[in-house]
Amino acid sequence: IHEHVGNNIQEMLTFLKNKSLLVFKFLIGFVLVGKILNWFLNFDYETNKILNITMFCLIGIAYLAFAWAFDNIKLKIVLTICGIYL
């Protein structure tokens, strides 16, 4: 049973690793469409706040992902701090 569970976890991690950029792009697109629709439909305060929180969380995740991509340690530190702040 433990080997079967371990294999399922590995398969799930591989799937998430392969599809994470697609999911991230979808979420960014969803927030962008929501922000544009807000101009015309004037969403209520709570909906607009959820869109803003989601947007800044995704920007922070992007900063953290960019920090892992670079080799320069100073740039990694700056991007990591910005990602954590957002």
Protein backbone atom coordinates (compact mmCIF):
# COMPACT_ATOMS: atom_id res chain seq x y z
CA ILE A 1 0.00 0.00 0.00
CA HIS A 2 2.80 2.46 0.86
CA GLU A 3 4.47 2.00 -2.53
CA HIS A 4 1.14 2.61 -4.28
CA VAL A 5 0.58 5.82 -2.28
CA GLY A 6 4.13 6.96 -3.03
CA ASN A 7 3.61 6.39 -6.75
CA ASN A 8 0.35 8.35 -6.70
CA ILE A 9 2.05 11.28 -4.96
CA GLN A 10 4.90 11.22 -7.50
CA GLU A 11 2.40 11.14 -10.37
CA MET A 12 0.47 14.05 -8.84
CA LEU A 13 3.66 16.11 -8.35
CA THR A 14 4.75 15.42 -11.93
CA PHE A 15 1.32 16.44 -13.21
CA LEU A 16 1.36 19.66 -11.17
CA LYS A 17 4.89 20.49 -12.30
CA ASN A 18 3.95 20.00 -15.94
CA LYS A 19 0.65 21.90 -15.70
CA SER A 20 1.59 24.68 -13.25
CA LEU A 21 2.39 27.25 -15.93
CA LEU A 22 -0.91 26.52 -17.66
CA VAL A 23 -2.83 26.93 -14.40
CA PHE A 24 -0.93 30.15 -13.62
CA LYS A 25 -1.72 31.59 -17.06
CA PHE A 26 -5.38 30.66 -16.65
CA LEU A 27 -5.58 32.38 -13.25
CA ILE A 28 -3.85 35.52 -14.55
CA GLY A 29 -6.25 35.59 -17.49
CA PHE A 30 -9.23 35.11 -15.18
CA VAL A 31 -8.13 38.04 -12.99
CA LEU A 32 -7.45 40.24 -16.02
CA VAL A 33 -10.90 39.53 -17.47
CA GLY A 34 -12.42 40.18 -14.05
CA LYS A 35 -10.65 43.53 -13.72
CA ILE A 36 -11.78 44.60 -17.21
CA LEU A 37 -15.36 43.48 -16.53
CA ASN A 38 -15.26 45.51 -13.32
CA TRP A 39 -14.90 48.69 -15.40
CA PHE A 40 -18.20 48.00 -17.17
CA LEU A 41 -20.23 46.04 -14.61
CA ASN A 42 -19.06 47.79 -11.42
CA PHE A 43 -18.74 44.73 -9.19
CA ASP A 44 -19.42 45.15 -5.50
CA TYR A 45 -16.67 45.90 -3.00
CA GLU A 46 -16.11 42.29 -1.91
CA THR A 47 -15.75 40.95 -5.46
CA ASN A 48 -13.31 43.71 -6.36
CA LYS A 49 -11.34 43.05 -3.18
CA ILE A 50 -11.11 39.31 -3.99
CA LEU A 51 -9.87 40.14 -7.49
CA ASN A 52 -7.23 42.49 -6.06
CA ILE A 53 -6.05 39.96 -3.47
CA THR A 54 -5.83 37.24 -6.10
CA MET A 55 -3.96 39.55 -8.47
CA PHE A 56 -1.34 40.52 -5.89
CA CYS A 57 -0.92 36.91 -4.73
CA LEU A 58 -0.28 35.82 -8.32
CA ILE A 59 2.19 38.67 -8.84
CA GLY A 60 4.00 37.61 -5.64
CA ILE A 61 4.13 33.98 -6.82
CA ALA A 62 5.55 35.19 -10.14
CA TYR A 63 8.29 37.13 -8.32
CA LEU A 64 9.18 34.02 -6.30
CA ALA A 65 9.28 31.90 -9.47
CA PHE A 66 11.52 34.47 -11.16
CA ALA A 67 13.83 34.42 -8.14
CA TRP A 68 14.42 30.68 -8.64
CA ALA A 69 15.19 31.22 -12.34
CA PHE A 70 18.15 33.57 -11.88
CA ASP A 71 21.68 32.64 -10.78
CA ASN A 72 22.69 36.05 -9.40
CA ILE A 73 22.30 35.83 -5.61
CA LYS A 74 21.58 39.55 -5.14
CA LEU A 75 18.80 39.42 -7.72
CA LYS A 76 17.38 36.28 -6.08
CA ILE A 77 17.27 38.03 -2.71
CA VAL A 78 15.55 41.15 -4.09
CA LEU A 79 12.97 39.15 -6.06
CA THR A 80 12.29 36.85 -3.11
CA ILE A 81 11.73 39.81 -0.77
CA CYS A 82 9.39 41.44 -3.32
CA GLY A 83 7.48 38.18 -3.77
CA ILE A 84 7.07 37.66 -0.04
CA TYR A 85 5.98 41.28 0.42
CA LEU A 86 3.28 40.98 -2.21
